[in-house]
Amino acid sequence: MDRNFRVRVLVGAGMFAVALIGLYTFDAIPFKIIYTIFSFISMVELVSFFKNKVTPARVVLALLETVFLIGGIIFVAKVDVVHFWYIILGVPGYDIFAYLFGKMLGGRIIKKSRPFPRISKNKTWEGTVLGLTLATSMVTGLMAARGAFATEWMYLLCGPLALIGDLFESSLKRNFEVKDSNEILIKNKWFSRLEMLVGGSEGHGGFLDRVDSAAFTMAVLLAISLVS
C-alpha cells in the first residue's frame, strides 16, 4: 500500500465520520455548516491560483467553478438526509471505486487504458467504467428500496456527474498549471495547518479537490430540480 493511498484512506474515513455525525445531529445543520465552510475555503484556494498569470480563459473557468460551489451550498441547504445519501453513494462512491479498480485493474483488461489522457492521465477505463457501474447500482438500489424512481430519477446521474465534475476541475488545474488545489496555499503559514486536514502536502490535494465532484453534481441537480 503506497503512502498516498494510506493518506486517502485516513482522510476519507475521517471526513466520512464527521459528515455522518453532522448529518444526524440537530437536523443536519452541523453538516450544512461544515460543507459551507469547506466550499468557502475552496473558493480561497481558487483565488490563490491567480498568483500565476491571469487570462480570460482562467477567469471564465474560475467563475464557473465558483458557480458550482455556490450551487452546491444551496443544494445542501435545501436537501434532507435521506436524499443526501444518493449523493454519498453516487459521488464518493464513484470516486472510491474508480480509484480502487483503477489501481487494481488499470491497463490489465484494456492495454491503452487512458480515456482522458489530456485532462486526467491517471484515470483508466477499468476504474471509470466499474466506478460508474457500482456507484449507479448503489443509487439504484436505494431508489428501488424507496420505490421512488418516478420522483427521484435525477439522482441516477450522480455517478456520471461526479466524473464530469472531476474532469472539469482537472481541466481547471491544468489550465492554471497547478497539481493540487492547495499547492499555493499550503506554502502559506496561515493556511498550512488547515490544508493538512484534507491531506496537506501528501499529494491528496486541498479542499477544492475534496468537494469538486460533489459541488458540480449538486449544482446540476439543483438546476434540474428548479426546472422540473
C-alpha atoms as a PDB file:
ATOM      1  CA  MET A   1       0.000   0.000   0.000  1.00  0.00           C
ATOM      2  CA  ASP A   2       1.626   3.291  -1.082  1.00  0.00           C
ATOM      3  CA  ARG A   3       1.773   6.350   1.173  1.00  0.00           C
ATOM      4  CA  ASN A   4      -0.684   8.382  -0.895  1.00  0.00           C
ATOM      5  CA  PHE A   5      -3.276   5.593  -0.669  1.00  0.00           C
ATOM      6  CA  ARG A   6      -2.937   5.447   3.129  1.00  0.00           C
ATOM      7  CA  VAL A   7      -3.460   9.198   3.313  1.00  0.00           C
ATOM      8  CA  ARG A   8      -6.543   8.904   1.088  1.00  0.00           C
ATOM      9  CA  VAL A   9      -7.995   6.199   3.337  1.00  0.00           C
ATOM     10  CA  LEU A  10      -7.345   8.072   6.583  1.00  0.00           C
ATOM     11  CA  VAL A  11      -8.567  11.431   5.313  1.00  0.00           C
ATOM     12  CA  GLY A  12     -11.586   9.874   3.607  1.00  0.00           C
ATOM     13  CA  ALA A  13     -12.571   7.861   6.696  1.00  0.00           C
ATOM     14  CA  GLY A  14     -12.190  10.887   8.942  1.00  0.00           C
ATOM     15  CA  MET A  15     -14.243  13.141   6.685  1.00  0.00           C
ATOM     16  CA  PHE A  16     -16.939  10.482   6.320  1.00  0.00           C
ATOM     17  CA  ALA A  17     -17.209  10.119  10.106  1.00  0.00           C
ATOM     18  CA  VAL A  18     -17.506  13.882  10.529  1.00  0.00           C
ATOM     19  CA  ALA A  19     -20.124  14.002   7.750  1.00  0.00           C
ATOM     20  CA  LEU A  20     -22.240  11.289   9.385  1.00  0.00           C
ATOM     21  CA  ILE A  21     -22.121  12.983  12.773  1.00  0.00           C
ATOM     22  CA  GLY A  22     -23.066  16.273  11.148  1.00  0.00           C
ATOM     23  CA  LEU A  23     -25.914  14.713   9.165  1.00  0.00           C
ATOM     24  CA  TYR A  24     -27.544  13.015  12.129  1.00  0.00           C
ATOM     25  CA  THR A  25     -27.332  15.780  14.717  1.00  0.00           C
ATOM     26  CA  PHE A  26     -29.500  18.897  15.058  1.00  0.00           C
ATOM     27  CA  ASP A  27     -31.408  18.333  11.779  1.00  0.00           C
ATOM     28  CA  ALA A  28     -28.148  18.109   9.789  1.00  0.00           C
ATOM     29  CA  ILE A  29     -27.339  21.764  10.488  1.00  0.00           C
ATOM     30  CA  PRO A  30     -23.724  20.976  11.574  1.00  0.00           C
ATOM     31  CA  PHE A  31     -23.125  19.169   8.284  1.00  0.00           C
ATOM     32  CA  LYS A  32     -24.526  22.058   6.266  1.00  0.00           C
ATOM     33  CA  ILE A  33     -22.292  24.493   8.139  1.00  0.00           C
ATOM     34  CA  ILE A  34     -19.193  22.311   7.652  1.00  0.00           C
ATOM     35  CA  TYR A  35     -19.889  21.873   3.936  1.00  0.00           C
ATOM     36  CA  THR A  36     -20.365  25.633   3.529  1.00  0.00           C
ATOM     37  CA  ILE A  37     -17.039  26.289   5.278  1.00  0.00           C
ATOM     38  CA  PHE A  38     -15.312  23.737   3.033  1.00  0.00           C
ATOM     39  CA  SER A  39     -16.790  25.438  -0.023  1.00  0.00           C
ATOM     40  CA  PHE A  40     -15.656  28.907   1.024  1.00  0.00           C
ATOM     41  CA  ILE A  41     -12.130  27.650   1.728  1.00  0.00           C
ATOM     42  CA  SER A  42     -12.256  26.053  -1.736  1.00  0.00           C
ATOM     43  CA  MET A  43     -13.037  29.493  -3.152  1.00  0.00           C
ATOM     44  CA  VAL A  44      -9.990  30.902  -1.353  1.00  0.00           C
ATOM     45  CA  GLU A  45      -7.879  28.155  -2.941  1.00  0.00           C
ATOM     46  CA  LEU A  46      -9.370  29.058  -6.300  1.00  0.00           C
ATOM     47  CA  VAL A  47      -8.471  32.725  -5.881  1.00  0.00           C
ATOM     48  CA  SER A  48      -4.926  31.710  -4.920  1.00  0.00           C
ATOM     49  CA  PHE A  49      -4.496  30.178  -8.394  1.00  0.00           C
ATOM     50  CA  PHE A  50      -4.373  33.696  -9.797  1.00  0.00           C
ATOM     51  CA  LYS A  51      -0.939  34.110  -8.288  1.00  0.00           C
ATOM     52  CA  ASN A  52       0.021  32.805 -11.709  1.00  0.00           C
ATOM     53  CA  LYS A  53      -0.770  34.627 -14.957  1.00  0.00           C
ATOM     54  CA  VAL A  54      -4.340  35.923 -15.388  1.00  0.00           C
ATOM     55  CA  THR A  55      -6.007  35.098 -18.714  1.00  0.00           C
ATOM     56  CA  PRO A  56      -9.636  35.358 -19.933  1.00  0.00           C
ATOM     57  CA  ALA A  57      -9.913  31.547 -20.077  1.00  0.00           C
ATOM     58  CA  ARG A  58      -8.738  31.228 -16.473  1.00  0.00           C
ATOM     59  CA  VAL A  59     -11.216  33.859 -15.311  1.00  0.00           C
ATOM     60  CA  VAL A  60     -14.107  32.045 -17.050  1.00  0.00           C
ATOM     61  CA  LEU A  61     -13.079  28.660 -15.586  1.00  0.00           C
ATOM     62  CA  ALA A  62     -12.764  30.136 -12.089  1.00  0.00           C
ATOM     63  CA  LEU A  63     -16.174  31.822 -12.361  1.00  0.00           C
ATOM     64  CA  LEU A  64     -17.780  28.544 -13.483  1.00  0.00           C
ATOM     65  CA  GLU A  65     -16.198  26.669 -10.573  1.00  0.00           C
ATOM     66  CA  THR A  66     -17.455  29.370  -8.206  1.00  0.00           C
ATOM     67  CA  VAL A  67     -20.990  28.952  -9.587  1.00  0.00           C
ATOM     68  CA  PHE A  68     -20.747  25.186  -8.966  1.00  0.00           C
ATOM     69  CA  LEU A  69     -19.538  25.750  -5.401  1.00  0.00           C
ATOM     70  CA  ILE A  70     -22.369  28.182  -4.640  1.00  0.00           C
ATOM     71  CA  GLY A  71     -24.887  25.836  -6.267  1.00  0.00           C
ATOM     72  CA  GLY A  72     -23.609  23.036  -4.047  1.00  0.00           C
ATOM     73  CA  ILE A  73     -24.058  25.169  -0.936  1.00  0.00           C
ATOM     74  CA  ILE A  74     -27.663  25.977  -1.909  1.00  0.00           C
ATOM     75  CA  PHE A  75     -28.415  22.324  -2.658  1.00  0.00           C
ATOM     76  CA  VAL A  76     -27.019  21.180   0.701  1.00  0.00           C
ATOM     77  CA  ALA A  77     -29.090  23.831   2.466  1.00  0.00           C
ATOM     78  CA  LYS A  78     -32.276  22.503   0.825  1.00  0.00           C
ATOM     79  CA  VAL A  79     -31.801  18.715   0.756  1.00  0.00           C
ATOM     80  CA  ASP A  80     -32.791  16.328   3.544  1.00  0.00           C
ATOM     81  CA  VAL A  81     -30.687  13.493   4.978  1.00  0.00           C
ATOM     82  CA  VAL A  82     -32.405  10.690   3.064  1.00  0.00           C
ATOM     83  CA  HIS A  83     -31.825  12.347  -0.296  1.00  0.00           C
ATOM     84  CA  PHE A  84     -28.263  13.226   0.593  1.00  0.00           C
ATOM     85  CA  TRP A  85     -27.483   9.507   0.764  1.00  0.00           C
ATOM     86  CA  TYR A  86     -27.897   9.435  -3.006  1.00  0.00           C
ATOM     87  CA  ILE A  87     -25.044  11.944  -3.195  1.00  0.00           C
ATOM     88  CA  ILE A  88     -22.894   9.933  -0.791  1.00  0.00           C
ATOM     89  CA  LEU A  89     -23.411   6.684  -2.721  1.00  0.00           C
ATOM     90  CA  GLY A  90     -23.114   8.262  -6.151  1.00  0.00           C
ATOM     91  CA  VAL A  91     -20.279  10.766  -5.783  1.00  0.00           C
ATOM     92  CA  PRO A  92     -17.767   9.494  -3.172  1.00  0.00           C
ATOM     93  CA  GLY A  93     -18.934   6.004  -4.209  1.00  0.00           C
ATOM     94  CA  TYR A  94     -17.824   6.592  -7.783  1.00  0.00           C
ATOM     95  CA  ASP A  95     -14.568   8.212  -6.686  1.00  0.00           C
ATOM     96  CA  ILE A  96     -13.643   5.362  -4.315  1.00  0.00           C
ATOM     97  CA  PHE A  97     -14.456   2.528  -6.719  1.00  0.00           C
ATOM     98  CA  ALA A  98     -12.851   4.265  -9.686  1.00  0.00           C
ATOM     99  CA  TYR A  99      -9.652   4.773  -7.699  1.00  0.00           C
ATOM    100  CA  LEU A 100      -9.553   1.216  -6.315  1.00  0.00           C
ATOM    101  CA  PHE A 101     -10.341  -0.569  -9.581  1.00  0.00           C
ATOM    102  CA  GLY A 102      -8.036   1.774 -11.463  1.00  0.00           C
ATOM    103  CA  LYS A 103      -5.204   0.784  -9.130  1.00  0.00           C
ATOM    104  CA  MET A 104      -6.005  -2.939  -9.254  1.00  0.00           C
ATOM    105  CA  LEU A 105      -7.030  -3.419 -12.889  1.00  0.00           C
ATOM    106  CA  GLY A 106      -5.843  -0.356 -14.792  1.00  0.00           C
ATOM    107  CA  GLY A 107      -4.187  -1.495 -18.033  1.00  0.00           C
ATOM    108  CA  ARG A 108      -4.766  -5.200 -17.387  1.00  0.00           C
ATOM    109  CA  ILE A 109      -8.025  -5.502 -19.323  1.00  0.00           C
ATOM    110  CA  ILE A 110      -7.554  -2.654 -21.805  1.00  0.00           C
ATOM    111  CA  LYS A 111      -3.890  -2.162 -22.693  1.00  0.00           C
ATOM    112  CA  LYS A 112      -4.068   1.522 -23.600  1.00  0.00           C
ATOM    113  CA  SER A 113      -6.371   2.271 -20.694  1.00  0.00           C
ATOM    114  CA  ARG A 114      -6.391   6.074 -20.665  1.00  0.00           C
ATOM    115  CA  PRO A 115      -9.819   7.509 -21.561  1.00  0.00           C
ATOM    116  CA  PHE A 116      -8.841  11.133 -20.802  1.00  0.00           C
ATOM    117  CA  PRO A 117      -5.072  11.384 -21.424  1.00  0.00           C
ATOM    118  CA  ARG A 118      -5.001  15.155 -21.934  1.00  0.00           C
ATOM    119  CA  ILE A 119      -7.155  16.026 -18.929  1.00  0.00           C
ATOM    120  CA  SER A 120      -6.525  13.314 -16.326  1.00  0.00           C
ATOM    121  CA  LYS A 121      -3.818  10.877 -17.352  1.00  0.00           C
ATOM    122  CA  ASN A 122      -4.218   8.712 -14.212  1.00  0.00           C
ATOM    123  CA  LYS A 123      -7.805   7.717 -14.966  1.00  0.00           C
ATOM    124  CA  THR A 124      -8.296   4.278 -16.529  1.00  0.00           C
ATOM    125  CA  TRP A 125     -11.133   2.696 -18.494  1.00  0.00           C
ATOM    126  CA  GLU A 126     -11.389  -0.111 -15.942  1.00  0.00           C
ATOM    127  CA  GLY A 127     -11.666   2.249 -12.986  1.00  0.00           C
ATOM    128  CA  THR A 128     -14.018   4.656 -14.750  1.00  0.00           C
ATOM    129  CA  VAL A 129     -16.460   2.028 -16.037  1.00  0.00           C
ATOM    130  CA  LEU A 130     -16.529  -0.072 -12.850  1.00  0.00           C
ATOM    131  CA  GLY A 131     -16.716   3.018 -10.662  1.00  0.00           C
ATOM    132  CA  LEU A 132     -19.707   4.352 -12.590  1.00  0.00           C
ATOM    133  CA  THR A 133     -21.377   0.928 -12.646  1.00  0.00           C
ATOM    134  CA  LEU A 134     -21.083   0.260  -8.929  1.00  0.00           C
ATOM    135  CA  ALA A 135     -21.945   3.807  -7.835  1.00  0.00           C
ATOM    136  CA  THR A 136     -25.028   3.886 -10.057  1.00  0.00           C
ATOM    137  CA  SER A 137     -26.016   0.408  -8.856  1.00  0.00           C
ATOM    138  CA  MET A 138     -25.944   1.575  -5.233  1.00  0.00           C
ATOM    139  CA  VAL A 139     -28.030   4.639  -6.022  1.00  0.00           C
ATOM    140  CA  THR A 140     -30.472   2.450  -7.969  1.00  0.00           C
ATOM    141  CA  GLY A 141     -30.715   0.006  -5.057  1.00  0.00           C
ATOM    142  CA  LEU A 142     -31.591   2.762  -2.596  1.00  0.00           C
ATOM    143  CA  MET A 143     -34.080   4.242  -5.040  1.00  0.00           C
ATOM    144  CA  ALA A 144     -35.719   0.829  -5.549  1.00  0.00           C
ATOM    145  CA  ALA A 145     -35.944   0.315  -1.779  1.00  0.00           C
ATOM    146  CA  ARG A 146     -37.728   3.661  -1.512  1.00  0.00           C
ATOM    147  CA  GLY A 147     -39.903   2.998  -4.579  1.00  0.00           C
ATOM    148  CA  ALA A 148     -39.053   6.467  -5.807  1.00  0.00           C
ATOM    149  CA  PHE A 149     -37.912   6.122  -9.434  1.00  0.00           C
ATOM    150  CA  ALA A 150     -40.638   8.426 -10.729  1.00  0.00           C
ATOM    151  CA  THR A 151     -39.784  11.356  -8.456  1.00  0.00           C
ATOM    152  CA  GLU A 152     -36.063  10.876  -7.735  1.00  0.00           C
ATOM    153  CA  TRP A 153     -34.757   9.700 -11.127  1.00  0.00           C
ATOM    154  CA  MET A 154     -32.312  12.597 -11.415  1.00  0.00           C
ATOM    155  CA  TYR A 155     -30.109  11.066  -8.692  1.00  0.00           C
ATOM    156  CA  LEU A 156     -29.192   8.305 -11.163  1.00  0.00           C
ATOM    157  CA  LEU A 157     -26.984  10.991 -12.727  1.00  0.00           C
ATOM    158  CA  CYS A 158     -24.798  11.258  -9.606  1.00  0.00           C
ATOM    159  CA  GLY A 159     -22.014   8.937 -10.859  1.00  0.00           C
ATOM    160  CA  PRO A 160     -21.698  10.448 -14.370  1.00  0.00           C
ATOM    161  CA  LEU A 161     -21.927  13.989 -12.974  1.00  0.00           C
ATOM    162  CA  ALA A 162     -19.209  13.182 -10.422  1.00  0.00           C
ATOM    163  CA  LEU A 163     -16.948  12.102 -13.284  1.00  0.00           C
ATOM    164  CA  ILE A 164     -17.677  15.267 -15.283  1.00  0.00           C
ATOM    165  CA  GLY A 165     -17.097  17.458 -12.227  1.00  0.00           C
ATOM    166  CA  ASP A 166     -13.774  15.763 -11.543  1.00  0.00           C
ATOM    167  CA  LEU A 167     -12.695  16.214 -15.175  1.00  0.00           C
ATOM    168  CA  PHE A 168     -13.731  19.872 -15.098  1.00  0.00           C
ATOM    169  CA  GLU A 169     -11.578  20.548 -12.047  1.00  0.00           C
ATOM    170  CA  SER A 170      -8.695  18.641 -13.625  1.00  0.00           C
ATOM    171  CA  SER A 171      -9.008  20.865 -16.706  1.00  0.00           C
ATOM    172  CA  LEU A 172      -9.130  23.947 -14.496  1.00  0.00           C
ATOM    173  CA  LYS A 173      -5.984  22.969 -12.592  1.00  0.00           C
ATOM    174  CA  ARG A 174      -4.196  22.028 -15.804  1.00  0.00           C
ATOM    175  CA  ASN A 175      -5.078  25.428 -17.268  1.00  0.00           C
ATOM    176  CA  PHE A 176      -3.746  27.155 -14.145  1.00  0.00           C
ATOM    177  CA  GLU A 177      -0.701  24.848 -14.145  1.00  0.00           C
ATOM    178  CA  VAL A 178      -1.224  23.571 -10.589  1.00  0.00           C
ATOM    179  CA  LYS A 179      -1.226  19.922  -9.481  1.00  0.00           C
ATOM    180  CA  ASP A 180      -3.276  20.108  -6.262  1.00  0.00           C
ATOM    181  CA  SER A 181      -5.777  22.788  -5.309  1.00  0.00           C
ATOM    182  CA  ASN A 182      -3.798  23.593  -2.151  1.00  0.00           C
ATOM    183  CA  GLU A 183      -0.473  23.772  -3.964  1.00  0.00           C
ATOM    184  CA  ILE A 184      -0.146  27.527  -3.374  1.00  0.00           C
ATOM    185  CA  LEU A 185      -1.907  27.908  -0.005  1.00  0.00           C
ATOM    186  CA  ILE A 186      -0.042  25.012   1.631  1.00  0.00           C
ATOM    187  CA  LYS A 187       3.085  27.178   1.444  1.00  0.00           C
ATOM    188  CA  ASN A 188       1.392  29.919   3.456  1.00  0.00           C
ATOM    189  CA  LYS A 189       1.912  29.542   7.207  1.00  0.00           C
ATOM    190  CA  TRP A 190      -1.626  30.766   7.919  1.00  0.00           C
ATOM    191  CA  PHE A 191      -3.163  28.021   5.810  1.00  0.00           C
ATOM    192  CA  SER A 192      -0.680  25.157   6.025  1.00  0.00           C
ATOM    193  CA  ARG A 193      -2.172  23.523   9.135  1.00  0.00           C
ATOM    194  CA  LEU A 194      -5.699  23.988   7.827  1.00  0.00           C
ATOM    195  CA  GLU A 195      -4.793  22.386   4.495  1.00  0.00           C
ATOM    196  CA  MET A 196      -3.217  19.426   6.300  1.00  0.00           C
ATOM    197  CA  LEU A 197      -6.728  18.455   7.454  1.00  0.00           C
ATOM    198  CA  VAL A 198      -7.528  17.259   3.937  1.00  0.00           C
ATOM    199  CA  GLY A 199      -4.226  15.648   3.025  1.00  0.00           C
ATOM    200  CA  GLY A 200      -1.889  18.606   3.005  1.00  0.00           C
ATOM    201  CA  SER A 201       1.444  18.003   1.340  1.00  0.00           C
ATOM    202  CA  GLU A 202       0.860  14.264   0.923  1.00  0.00           C
ATOM    203  CA  GLY A 203      -0.427  14.579  -2.647  1.00  0.00           C
ATOM    204  CA  HIS A 204      -4.087  14.319  -1.650  1.00  0.00           C
ATOM    205  CA  GLY A 205      -4.991  17.842  -2.672  1.00  0.00           C
ATOM    206  CA  GLY A 206      -6.840  20.567  -0.828  1.00  0.00           C
ATOM    207  CA  PHE A 207     -10.437  21.457  -0.004  1.00  0.00           C
ATOM    208  CA  LEU A 208     -11.421  22.085  -3.641  1.00  0.00           C
ATOM    209  CA  ASP A 209     -10.113  18.634  -4.560  1.00  0.00           C
ATOM    210  CA  ARG A 210     -12.428  17.179  -1.913  1.00  0.00           C
ATOM    211  CA  VAL A 211     -15.637  18.929  -2.955  1.00  0.00           C
ATOM    212  CA  ASP A 212     -15.191  19.447  -6.711  1.00  0.00           C
ATOM    213  CA  SER A 213     -17.242  16.465  -7.918  1.00  0.00           C
ATOM    214  CA  ALA A 214     -19.907  16.911  -5.236  1.00  0.00           C
ATOM    215  CA  ALA A 215     -20.243  20.647  -5.933  1.00  0.00           C
ATOM    216  CA  PHE A 216     -20.668  20.112  -9.675  1.00  0.00           C
ATOM    217  CA  THR A 217     -23.116  17.241  -9.161  1.00  0.00           C
ATOM    218  CA  MET A 218     -25.268  19.123  -6.678  1.00  0.00           C
ATOM    219  CA  ALA A 219     -25.247  22.322  -8.759  1.00  0.00           C
ATOM    220  CA  VAL A 220     -26.554  20.398 -11.781  1.00  0.00           C
ATOM    221  CA  LEU A 221     -29.146  18.546  -9.676  1.00  0.00           C
ATOM    222  CA  LEU A 222     -30.248  21.894  -8.236  1.00  0.00           C
ATOM    223  CA  ALA A 223     -30.707  23.253 -11.760  1.00  0.00           C
ATOM    224  CA  ILE A 224     -32.698  20.158 -12.812  1.00  0.00           C
ATOM    225  CA  SER A 225     -34.923  20.364  -9.734  1.00  0.00           C
ATOM    226  CA  LEU A 226     -35.634  24.055 -10.367  1.00  0.00           C
ATOM    227  CA  VAL A 227     -36.536  23.391 -13.998  1.00  0.00           C
ATOM    228  CA  SER A 228     -38.628  20.295 -13.371  1.00  0.00           C
END
